[in-house]
Amino acid sequence: MQTAQPWCKREGMALLTDLYELTMVAGFWREKRADQRVCFEYFFRELPPNTGFAVAAGLGPFLQYLENLRFSESDIDYLSSLGLFEDAFLDFLKAFRPGLTVRAAPEGQLVYPHEPVIQVEGPIAEAQLIETALLNTLNFQTLIATKAARICLAAEGEPVMEFGLRRAHGPDGGMSGSRAAYIGGCASSSNVLAGKIYGLPVTGTHAHSWVMSFPSELEAFRAFARNYPERCVLLVDTFDTIDSGVPNAITVFKELHEKGYNTRPAIRLDSGDLAKLSKLAHKKMAEAGFSDPIIVASNDLDEDLIADLKRQGAKINAWGVGTHLITSHDCPSLNGVYKLVAIGEDGKWIPRMKISSNSAKATDPCKKRVVRYYDDIEHPIGDVLYAYDEQVVEAGDIEGRRRSDPHIKARLKNAARSEDLLKTVFENGKRIEQTPELSAIRERSLASIASLPEEFKRLRNPERYQVILSKEIGHVKARLLENPG
């Protein structure tokens, strides 16, 4: 039996790109500029609405893609059929092997607008070629991991199960989404293939069709309990939640206990007034001797509805979240971009900067280091973008410049220590280390979120985290703004 693989591990994915990447690469090759050394950086411009942080995700699959990046014979035949590329350039693609160096924020780390999350250094033909695949992978997974983190914050430590596969945007949307949701803090997924490939916990109950296929609800519940006595979660809202579903579930759980199973009673609510029904269901189960039942809620949940249900005192202690998570319903895309920031000439890096009539699209020049500062109780207080060869201030009051106006001073106060955010993960075409287990990435995410001051975790109007320029980059940006070109 052939082992299923995610797309990023397969050969033959070199054409997962926009056509203009290939036409530019061909142009660089014709102009004898393919080997020009450059530095590109991936960053995003804005957080999703009412969100105070983002969770970096997608690096592992991107590096797997990069390791396996080859143009197959069928790829070359297809490109030849387009009539755009000469044979000598197609021979160049046949021999292509990535030789790039990649630095990146680890998956699960918190990241913020306008700071490099991934930095790519190498020949321009190679660095340009990977743009689309990088954006496709990082934008979506970072978005979903961030959405999952918000939902888990609303759940206040209670388990969130990702139920989104059937509403995801295609098979890879489901696979990538399940992976990212786990990184963001979800406890498990209904996606069995994601469980196999990524090693994440899988969970599930049964559908209304199970109940409807039996002569009665009680018989359906008894049959499910016979098959899964130690993992028995009963969906109680097929007919009448309080007058039928919950009483029948109580009967079945009593029968399981009489047979010697120490199963914790568990029911799922998937419709109606979840706050009211959960309170009534809990009352009935407590009166029957089950004082600590698991009550799972599903049905188009998101972080706002979960927070509101908690405000109402709902007796729900586990959450199944599907559509609004896997599609990031309120913000369906992350505006990540990949921009040229420096060109290598005579052993030096010459800064490059995009200056647009839309000031929000102006980029920050120079190959950079991202340095995160912490206070004396290990809360992050802000990030500074330094030039790669600039002297870093380790602690104390850190003076820099505003990103939006590099003429104006900005400052981080009372920093106790600093940390370089970008780590080398791919060097001269070679993978430096393997992607950690997904559980370890998830633990990093949870620890990073826990370290963040509460004002950045609010579901509405969170505090804005500071990302400032060093004095040197501020000076370079101000000069380029005044003398573009």
Protein backbone atom coordinates (compact mmCIF):
# COMPACT_ATOMS: atom_id res chain seq x y z
CA MET A 1 0.00 0.00 0.00
CA GLN A 2 1.44 3.37 -1.00
CA THR A 3 1.86 5.86 1.84
CA ALA A 4 -0.07 9.08 1.28
CA GLN A 5 2.08 12.20 1.16
CA PRO A 6 1.25 15.88 1.43
CA TRP A 7 1.78 17.88 -1.76
CA CYS A 8 4.96 19.50 -0.41
CA LYS A 9 6.84 16.16 -0.35
CA ARG A 10 6.00 15.17 -3.89
CA GLU A 11 8.16 15.73 -6.92
CA GLY A 12 6.45 17.39 -9.85
CA MET A 13 5.25 20.43 -7.87
CA ALA A 14 7.61 22.91 -9.54
CA LEU A 15 4.72 24.27 -11.61
CA LEU A 16 2.84 25.31 -8.47
CA THR A 17 3.61 28.89 -9.41
CA ASP A 18 2.24 31.87 -11.25
CA LEU A 19 3.30 32.16 -14.87
CA TYR A 20 4.93 35.53 -14.29
CA GLU A 21 7.47 33.91 -11.95
CA LEU A 22 8.68 31.73 -14.82
CA THR A 23 8.66 34.53 -17.38
CA MET A 24 10.76 36.67 -15.00
CA VAL A 25 13.16 33.80 -14.36
CA ALA A 26 13.51 33.29 -18.11
CA GLY A 27 14.13 37.02 -18.51
CA PHE A 28 16.81 37.03 -15.81
CA TRP A 29 18.43 34.06 -17.56
CA ARG A 30 18.40 35.75 -20.99
CA GLU A 31 19.78 38.97 -19.52
CA LYS A 32 22.55 36.94 -17.83
CA ARG A 33 21.31 38.09 -14.42
CA ALA A 34 20.08 34.72 -13.12
CA ASP A 35 23.00 34.49 -10.67
CA GLN A 36 22.59 38.02 -9.26
CA ARG A 37 22.66 37.62 -5.46
CA VAL A 38 19.56 39.02 -3.75
CA CYS A 39 17.66 39.01 -0.49
CA PHE A 40 13.88 38.69 -0.41
CA GLU A 41 11.70 38.83 2.70
CA TYR A 42 8.24 37.47 3.38
CA PHE A 43 6.03 39.52 5.70
CA PHE A 44 2.37 40.48 6.03
CA ARG A 45 1.02 44.01 6.17
CA GLU A 46 -1.93 43.69 8.55
CA LEU A 47 -3.27 41.36 11.20
CA PRO A 48 -6.83 40.04 10.81
CA PRO A 49 -9.40 42.43 12.32
CA ASN A 50 -9.43 42.63 16.13
CA THR A 51 -6.41 40.36 16.38
CA GLY A 52 -3.35 41.27 18.44
CA PHE A 53 -0.85 38.69 17.11
CA ALA A 54 -0.29 36.04 14.46
CA VAL A 55 1.01 32.50 14.85
CA ALA A 56 3.67 31.59 12.28
CA ALA A 57 2.78 28.35 10.48
CA GLY A 58 3.62 26.63 7.22
CA LEU A 59 7.42 26.67 7.35
CA GLY A 60 7.76 22.88 7.57
CA PRO A 61 5.73 22.16 4.41
CA PHE A 62 7.50 25.00 2.58
CA LEU A 63 10.93 23.54 3.37
CA GLN A 64 9.75 20.11 2.24
CA TYR A 65 8.62 21.69 -1.03
CA LEU A 66 12.02 23.38 -1.40
CA GLU A 67 13.90 20.13 -0.78
CA ASN A 68 11.88 18.36 -3.47
CA LEU A 69 11.80 21.20 -6.01
CA ARG A 70 12.62 19.67 -9.39
CA PHE A 71 11.27 20.11 -12.92
CA SER A 72 10.13 16.73 -14.24
CA GLU A 73 10.15 15.68 -17.87
CA SER A 74 6.39 16.23 -18.06
CA ASP A 75 6.84 19.72 -16.55
CA ILE A 76 9.38 20.58 -19.23
CA ASP A 77 7.14 19.16 -21.98
CA TYR A 78 4.24 21.28 -20.76
CA LEU A 79 6.31 24.46 -20.59
CA SER A 80 7.61 23.75 -24.08
CA SER A 81 4.04 23.49 -25.37
CA LEU A 82 3.30 27.05 -24.23
CA GLY A 83 5.62 28.46 -26.88
CA LEU A 84 7.08 31.01 -24.44
CA PHE A 85 10.43 29.48 -23.57
CA GLU A 86 13.44 28.53 -25.69
CA ASP A 87 15.01 25.10 -25.44
CA ALA A 88 18.19 26.36 -23.77
CA PHE A 89 16.17 27.88 -20.92
CA LEU A 90 14.21 24.65 -20.53
CA ASP A 91 17.54 22.83 -20.26
CA PHE A 92 18.44 25.29 -17.49
CA LEU A 93 15.23 24.30 -15.67
CA LYS A 94 15.95 20.59 -16.15
CA ALA A 95 19.20 21.00 -14.25
CA PHE A 96 17.69 23.26 -11.59
CA ARG A 97 18.43 22.44 -7.94
CA PRO A 98 17.76 24.98 -5.19
CA GLY A 99 20.88 26.48 -3.62
CA LEU A 100 19.19 29.10 -1.44
CA THR A 101 19.72 30.06 2.17
CA VAL A 102 16.55 30.54 4.21
CA ARG A 103 16.19 32.12 7.64
CA ALA A 104 12.82 31.97 9.34
CA ALA A 105 10.87 32.49 12.52
CA PRO A 106 10.15 29.05 13.97
CA GLU A 107 6.65 27.68 13.47
CA GLY A 108 4.50 28.43 16.48
CA GLN A 109 6.31 31.71 17.16
CA LEU A 110 4.23 34.89 17.35
CA VAL A 111 4.83 37.33 14.51
CA TYR A 112 3.59 40.80 13.62
CA PRO A 113 2.97 43.05 10.61
CA HIS A 114 5.87 44.29 8.50
CA GLU A 115 8.56 42.17 10.13
CA PRO A 116 10.28 39.42 8.12
CA VAL A 117 8.88 35.98 8.92
CA ILE A 118 11.04 34.33 6.26
CA GLN A 119 14.18 35.68 4.61
CA VAL A 120 15.49 34.13 1.39
CA GLU A 121 19.01 34.75 0.10
CA GLY A 122 20.56 33.47 -3.12
CA PRO A 123 20.55 33.81 -6.92
CA ILE A 124 17.64 35.91 -8.15
CA ALA A 125 16.34 33.24 -10.53
CA GLU A 126 15.92 30.81 -7.63
CA ALA A 127 14.61 33.33 -5.13
CA GLN A 128 12.02 34.59 -7.61
CA LEU A 129 10.87 31.12 -8.63
CA ILE A 130 9.73 30.10 -5.14
CA GLU A 131 7.65 33.20 -4.39
CA THR A 132 4.20 31.85 -5.19
CA ALA A 133 4.61 28.53 -3.37
CA LEU A 134 5.97 30.32 -0.30
CA LEU A 135 3.06 32.76 -0.21
CA ASN A 136 0.51 30.01 -0.82
CA THR A 137 1.86 27.93 2.07
CA LEU A 138 2.66 30.56 4.69
CA ASN A 139 -0.30 32.89 4.17
CA PHE A 140 -2.97 30.23 4.60
CA GLN A 141 -1.44 28.26 7.44
CA THR A 142 -0.50 31.37 9.43
CA LEU A 143 -4.04 32.67 8.98
CA ILE A 144 -5.65 29.43 10.21
CA ALA A 145 -3.22 28.96 13.11
CA THR A 146 -4.01 32.51 14.21
CA LYS A 147 -7.76 31.96 13.95
CA ALA A 148 -7.44 28.74 15.95
CA ALA A 149 -5.47 30.56 18.64
CA ARG A 150 -8.24 33.16 19.03
CA ILE A 151 -10.89 30.44 19.28
CA CYS A 152 -8.85 28.57 21.88
CA LEU A 153 -8.40 31.78 23.90
CA ALA A 154 -12.18 32.20 23.89
CA ALA A 155 -12.56 28.60 25.09
CA GLU A 156 -10.40 29.45 28.14
CA GLY A 157 -8.43 26.23 28.20
CA GLU A 158 -11.29 23.88 27.34
CA PRO A 159 -10.57 21.56 24.40
CA VAL A 160 -11.36 22.80 20.91
CA MET A 161 -11.84 20.12 18.24
CA GLU A 162 -11.31 21.15 14.62
CA PHE A 163 -14.25 19.85 12.57
CA GLY A 164 -13.61 21.76 9.33
CA LEU A 165 -12.67 19.22 6.66
CA ARG A 166 -16.06 19.06 4.93
CA ARG A 167 -16.22 22.87 4.62
CA ALA A 168 -12.56 23.43 3.71
CA HIS A 169 -11.50 24.84 0.37
CA GLY A 170 -10.60 21.55 -1.25
CA PRO A 171 -8.51 18.63 0.01
CA ASP A 172 -5.32 20.62 0.61
CA GLY A 173 -7.29 23.38 2.30
CA GLY A 174 -8.52 20.67 4.66
CA MET A 175 -5.10 19.11 5.21
CA SER A 176 -3.17 22.36 5.64
CA GLY A 177 -5.99 23.79 7.72
CA SER A 178 -6.02 20.83 10.12
CA ARG A 179 -2.26 21.09 10.55
CA ALA A 180 -2.37 24.83 11.19
CA ALA A 181 -5.36 24.60 13.55
CA TYR A 182 -3.45 22.13 15.72
CA ILE A 183 -0.45 24.47 15.81
CA GLY A 184 -2.78 27.27 16.88
CA GLY A 185 -3.97 25.27 19.88
CA CYS A 186 -6.78 22.93 18.81
CA ALA A 187 -6.68 19.69 20.78
CA SER A 188 -7.67 17.39 17.93
CA SER A 189 -9.18 17.14 14.45
CA SER A 190 -11.88 15.12 12.75
CA ASN A 191 -9.54 14.79 9.73
CA VAL A 192 -8.27 11.21 9.70
CA LEU A 193 -5.75 11.72 6.88
CA ALA A 194 -4.24 14.65 8.77
CA GLY A 195 -3.99 12.36 11.78
CA LYS A 196 -2.08 9.79 9.74
CA ILE A 197 0.27 12.20 7.98
CA TYR A 198 0.90 14.76 10.70
CA GLY A 199 0.41 12.61 13.79
CA LEU A 200 -2.20 14.85 15.35
CA PRO A 201 -4.99 13.43 17.56
CA VAL A 202 -8.26 12.60 15.81
CA THR A 203 -11.71 12.66 17.32
CA GLY A 204 -15.35 12.31 16.32
CA THR A 205 -18.82 11.23 17.41
CA HIS A 206 -21.65 10.25 15.08
CA ALA A 207 -24.07 12.03 12.77
CA HIS A 208 -27.84 12.45 12.93
CA SER A 209 -28.09 9.81 10.21
CA TRP A 210 -26.88 7.17 12.71
CA VAL A 211 -29.84 7.95 14.97
CA MET A 212 -32.33 8.20 12.10
CA SER A 213 -31.27 4.83 10.66
CA PHE A 214 -32.45 2.92 13.76
CA PRO A 215 -36.06 2.24 14.79
CA SER A 216 -35.65 4.55 17.80
CA GLU A 217 -33.19 7.02 19.30
CA LEU A 218 -32.63 4.78 22.31
CA GLU A 219 -31.72 1.81 20.11
CA ALA A 220 -29.33 4.02 18.14
CA PHE A 221 -27.60 5.17 21.33
CA ARG A 222 -27.38 1.62 22.68
CA ALA A 223 -25.86 0.39 19.43
CA PHE A 224 -23.25 3.17 19.43
CA ALA A 225 -22.39 2.45 23.06
CA ARG A 226 -21.99 -1.27 22.26
CA ASN A 227 -19.48 -0.43 19.54
CA TYR A 228 -17.58 2.33 21.36
CA PRO A 229 -18.21 1.89 25.10
CA GLU A 230 -15.10 3.79 26.19
CA ARG A 231 -15.39 6.58 23.61
CA CYS A 232 -19.09 7.14 23.65
CA VAL A 233 -20.24 10.68 22.79
CA LEU A 234 -23.95 10.79 21.95
CA LEU A 235 -25.51 13.40 19.65
CA VAL A 236 -28.74 14.26 21.47
CA ASP A 237 -30.55 16.78 19.25
CA THR A 238 -31.92 14.65 16.39
CA PHE A 239 -35.51 14.85 17.64
CA ASP A 240 -35.95 16.61 20.99
CA THR A 241 -32.85 17.44 22.98
CA ILE A 242 -34.29 17.73 26.48
CA ASP A 243 -37.34 15.45 26.42
CA SER A 244 -35.80 12.67 24.34
CA GLY A 245 -32.09 12.95 23.58
CA VAL A 246 -30.72 13.64 27.05
CA PRO A 247 -32.98 11.12 28.88
CA ASN A 248 -32.05 8.39 26.39
CA ALA A 249 -28.36 9.25 26.75
CA ILE A 250 -28.68 9.03 30.54
CA THR A 251 -30.25 5.57 30.21
CA VAL A 252 -27.38 4.37 28.03
CA PHE A 253 -24.65 5.76 30.29
CA LYS A 254 -26.27 4.10 33.32
CA GLU A 255 -26.28 0.82 31.41
CA LEU A 256 -22.59 1.23 30.55
CA HIS A 257 -21.73 1.81 34.20
CA GLU A 258 -23.75 -1.26 35.21
CA LYS A 259 -21.64 -3.28 32.75
CA GLY A 260 -18.45 -2.09 34.45
CA TYR A 261 -17.41 0.67 32.07
CA ASN A 262 -16.19 3.81 33.83
CA THR A 263 -17.12 5.95 30.87
CA ARG A 264 -17.46 9.66 31.55
CA PRO A 265 -20.88 10.62 30.14
CA ALA A 266 -20.52 12.79 27.05
CA ILE A 267 -23.15 14.37 24.82
CA ARG A 268 -23.01 16.74 21.84
CA LEU A 269 -25.36 19.63 21.07
CA ASP A 270 -25.45 20.70 17.44
CA SER A 271 -28.48 23.00 17.19
CA GLY A 272 -30.82 25.29 19.08
CA ASP A 273 -30.08 27.66 21.96
CA LEU A 274 -26.79 26.16 23.07
CA ALA A 275 -26.61 28.12 26.32
CA LYS A 276 -30.12 27.17 27.44
CA LEU A 277 -29.94 23.58 26.26
CA SER A 278 -26.55 22.97 27.87
CA LYS A 279 -27.84 24.20 31.24
CA LEU A 280 -30.95 22.03 31.05
CA ALA A 281 -28.94 19.01 29.89
CA HIS A 282 -26.40 19.45 32.67
CA LYS A 283 -29.18 19.73 35.27
CA LYS A 284 -30.82 16.49 34.08
CA MET A 285 -27.52 14.63 34.02
CA ALA A 286 -26.52 15.90 37.47
CA GLU A 287 -29.89 14.80 38.86
CA ALA A 288 -29.22 11.35 37.35
CA GLY A 289 -25.94 11.12 39.26
CA PHE A 290 -23.60 12.37 36.51
CA SER A 291 -22.25 15.55 38.08
CA ASP A 292 -19.34 16.03 35.67
CA PRO A 293 -20.52 15.23 32.15
CA ILE A 294 -18.75 16.29 28.99
CA ILE A 295 -21.03 18.58 27.00
CA VAL A 296 -19.70 19.27 23.52
CA ALA A 297 -21.14 22.10 21.44
CA SER A 298 -20.87 22.51 17.67
CA ASN A 299 -22.93 24.38 15.02
CA ASP A 300 -21.15 27.30 13.30
CA LEU A 301 -19.14 28.37 16.34
CA ASP A 302 -16.45 31.03 16.35
CA GLU A 303 -14.53 32.87 19.06
CA ASP A 304 -17.22 35.53 19.54
CA LEU A 305 -20.03 33.02 19.96
CA ILE A 306 -17.94 30.90 22.33
CA ALA A 307 -17.13 33.97 24.44
CA ASP A 308 -20.81 34.93 24.49
CA LEU A 309 -21.90 31.43 25.51
CA LYS A 310 -19.43 31.57 28.37
CA ARG A 311 -20.80 34.96 29.39
CA GLN A 312 -24.25 33.39 29.54
CA GLY A 313 -23.00 30.64 31.85
CA ALA A 314 -23.39 27.82 29.35
CA LYS A 315 -22.51 24.40 30.74
CA ILE A 316 -20.37 23.54 27.73
CA ASN A 317 -16.85 22.26 28.32
CA ALA A 318 -15.69 21.11 24.88
CA TRP A 319 -16.07 22.81 21.52
CA GLY A 320 -16.29 21.50 17.96
CA VAL A 321 -15.46 24.28 15.50
CA GLY A 322 -15.58 23.80 11.74
CA THR A 323 -16.56 26.27 9.04
CA HIS A 324 -15.59 29.52 10.74
CA LEU A 325 -12.18 28.11 11.66
CA ILE A 326 -11.10 26.24 8.53
CA THR A 327 -12.12 29.12 6.25
CA SER A 328 -11.21 31.95 8.66
CA HIS A 329 -14.71 33.13 7.87
CA ASP A 330 -14.36 36.78 8.95
CA CYS A 331 -10.94 37.26 7.29
CA PRO A 332 -10.43 34.72 4.50
CA SER A 333 -6.92 35.77 3.49
CA LEU A 334 -3.70 37.06 5.02
CA ASN A 335 -2.06 39.86 3.05
CA GLY A 336 1.43 38.39 3.08
CA VAL A 337 3.91 39.58 0.45
CA TYR A 338 7.42 38.69 -0.68
CA LYS A 339 9.62 41.65 -1.51
CA LEU A 340 13.16 42.30 -2.69
CA VAL A 341 15.00 44.20 0.07
CA ALA A 342 18.67 44.06 -0.95
CA ILE A 343 20.99 43.23 -3.87
CA GLY A 344 24.49 41.84 -3.41
CA GLU A 345 27.23 43.81 -5.16
CA ASP A 346 30.99 43.52 -4.58
CA GLY A 347 30.49 41.66 -1.32
CA LYS A 348 28.06 44.23 0.07
CA TRP A 349 24.28 44.40 0.37
CA ILE A 350 22.74 47.37 -1.43
CA PRO A 351 19.32 48.22 0.09
CA ARG A 352 16.24 48.16 -2.13
CA MET A 353 12.83 49.60 -1.29
CA LYS A 354 9.45 49.63 -2.98
CA ILE A 355 8.01 53.17 -2.91
CA SER A 356 4.39 53.28 -3.95
CA SER A 357 1.78 55.99 -4.38
CA ASN A 358 0.01 53.98 -1.68
CA SER A 359 2.18 54.74 1.35
CA ALA A 360 0.96 51.62 3.16
CA LYS A 361 2.72 49.52 0.50
CA ALA A 362 6.13 51.12 1.01
CA THR A 363 8.56 48.43 2.18
CA ASP A 364 11.44 48.52 4.65
CA PRO A 365 14.87 48.29 2.99
CA CYS A 366 17.94 46.20 3.91
CA LYS A 367 18.64 42.58 4.73
CA LYS A 368 17.48 42.39 8.34
CA ARG A 369 17.65 40.79 11.73
CA VAL A 370 14.47 40.67 13.79
CA VAL A 371 15.26 41.13 17.47
CA ARG A 372 12.57 40.56 20.08
CA TYR A 373 12.87 42.20 23.48
CA TYR A 374 11.46 40.90 26.78
CA ASP A 375 10.85 42.51 30.14
CA ASP A 376 12.06 41.11 33.45
CA ILE A 377 9.06 38.75 33.74
CA GLU A 378 9.53 37.35 30.22
CA HIS A 379 6.73 39.27 28.53
CA PRO A 380 7.65 40.34 24.98
CA ILE A 381 7.60 44.15 24.76
CA GLY A 382 8.43 44.81 21.11
CA ASP A 383 10.55 43.93 18.08
CA VAL A 384 13.27 45.93 16.36
CA LEU A 385 14.28 45.46 12.72
CA TYR A 386 18.07 45.80 12.52
CA ALA A 387 20.32 45.77 9.46
CA TYR A 388 22.04 42.36 9.23
CA ASP A 389 25.48 43.78 10.16
CA GLU A 390 24.31 46.41 12.65
CA GLN A 391 25.30 46.37 16.32
CA VAL A 392 22.34 45.11 18.38
CA VAL A 393 21.53 46.69 21.74
CA GLU A 394 20.96 43.76 24.08
CA ALA A 395 18.91 45.39 26.87
CA GLY A 396 17.83 48.65 28.48
CA ASP A 397 16.02 51.41 26.61
CA ILE A 398 16.12 50.66 22.89
CA GLU A 399 15.89 53.67 20.59
CA GLY A 400 14.73 53.31 17.00
CA ARG A 401 12.50 54.91 14.41
CA ARG A 402 8.84 54.57 13.48
CA ARG A 403 8.13 52.42 10.46
CA SER A 404 5.49 54.74 9.08
CA ASP A 405 7.67 57.83 9.52
CA PRO A 406 11.38 57.04 9.94
CA HIS A 407 12.15 60.65 10.87
CA ILE A 408 10.32 60.18 14.20
CA LYS A 409 11.97 58.43 17.13
CA ALA A 410 10.47 55.34 18.74
CA ARG A 411 11.56 53.56 21.89
CA LEU A 412 11.20 50.29 23.75
CA LYS A 413 11.73 50.79 27.48
CA ASN A 414 13.28 48.59 30.16
CA ALA A 415 14.20 45.58 28.04
CA ALA A 416 15.74 42.83 30.16
CA ARG A 417 16.92 40.58 27.33
CA SER A 418 16.77 40.09 23.58
CA GLU A 419 16.36 37.21 21.14
CA ASP A 420 17.03 36.87 17.41
CA LEU A 421 13.81 35.69 15.82
CA LEU A 422 15.12 34.42 12.47
CA LYS A 423 17.02 31.12 12.49
CA THR A 424 18.88 29.57 9.55
CA VAL A 425 16.82 26.56 8.44
CA PHE A 426 18.12 25.98 4.89
CA GLU A 427 21.68 26.82 3.87
CA ASN A 428 23.15 26.76 0.36
CA GLY A 429 20.48 24.31 -0.75
CA LYS A 430 20.72 22.01 2.27
CA ARG A 431 18.19 21.49 5.06
CA ILE A 432 19.81 22.37 8.40
CA GLU A 433 17.40 20.48 10.63
CA GLN A 434 14.18 18.54 10.28
CA THR A 435 10.80 20.01 11.14
CA PRO A 436 9.95 19.34 14.80
CA GLU A 437 7.05 17.09 15.71
CA LEU A 438 3.76 18.92 15.35
CA SER A 439 3.12 18.52 19.07
CA ALA A 440 6.36 20.41 19.82
CA ILE A 441 5.36 23.21 17.44
CA ARG A 442 1.98 23.40 19.16
CA GLU A 443 3.68 23.62 22.56
CA ARG A 444 5.81 26.53 21.30
CA SER A 445 2.67 28.28 20.09
CA LEU A 446 0.86 27.79 23.40
CA ALA A 447 3.90 28.98 25.38
CA SER A 448 4.34 32.03 23.15
CA ILE A 449 0.68 33.01 23.54
CA ALA A 450 0.83 32.44 27.31
CA SER A 451 3.82 34.81 27.57
CA LEU A 452 1.94 37.63 25.82
CA PRO A 453 0.43 40.32 28.08
CA GLU A 454 -3.36 40.07 28.32
CA GLU A 455 -4.03 43.33 26.50
CA PHE A 456 -2.74 41.78 23.25
CA LYS A 457 -5.10 38.79 23.58
CA ARG A 458 -8.40 40.66 23.80
CA LEU A 459 -10.99 39.52 21.26
CA ARG A 460 -11.92 43.14 20.60
CA ASN A 461 -9.60 46.15 20.26
CA PRO A 462 -6.39 44.45 21.35
CA GLU A 463 -3.30 46.53 22.07
CA ARG A 464 -0.95 46.96 19.11
CA TYR A 465 2.44 45.32 19.47
CA GLN A 466 5.40 47.55 18.66
CA VAL A 467 7.60 46.79 15.64
CA ILE A 468 10.11 49.57 15.04
CA LEU A 469 13.12 50.20 12.82
CA SER A 470 16.63 50.48 14.12
CA LYS A 471 18.27 53.87 13.75
CA GLU A 472 20.32 52.62 10.80
CA ILE A 473 17.38 51.20 8.84
CA GLY A 474 15.35 54.29 9.74
CA HIS A 475 18.10 56.45 8.26
CA VAL A 476 18.28 54.35 5.07
CA LYS A 477 14.50 54.36 4.64
CA ALA A 478 14.28 58.14 5.16
CA ARG A 479 17.04 58.68 2.58
CA LEU A 480 15.36 56.43 0.00
CA LEU A 481 12.00 58.09 0.54
CA GLU A 482 13.57 61.48 -0.12
CA ASN A 483 15.67 60.27 -3.08
CA PRO A 484 13.89 57.32 -4.73
CA GLY A 485 15.27 55.54 -7.72
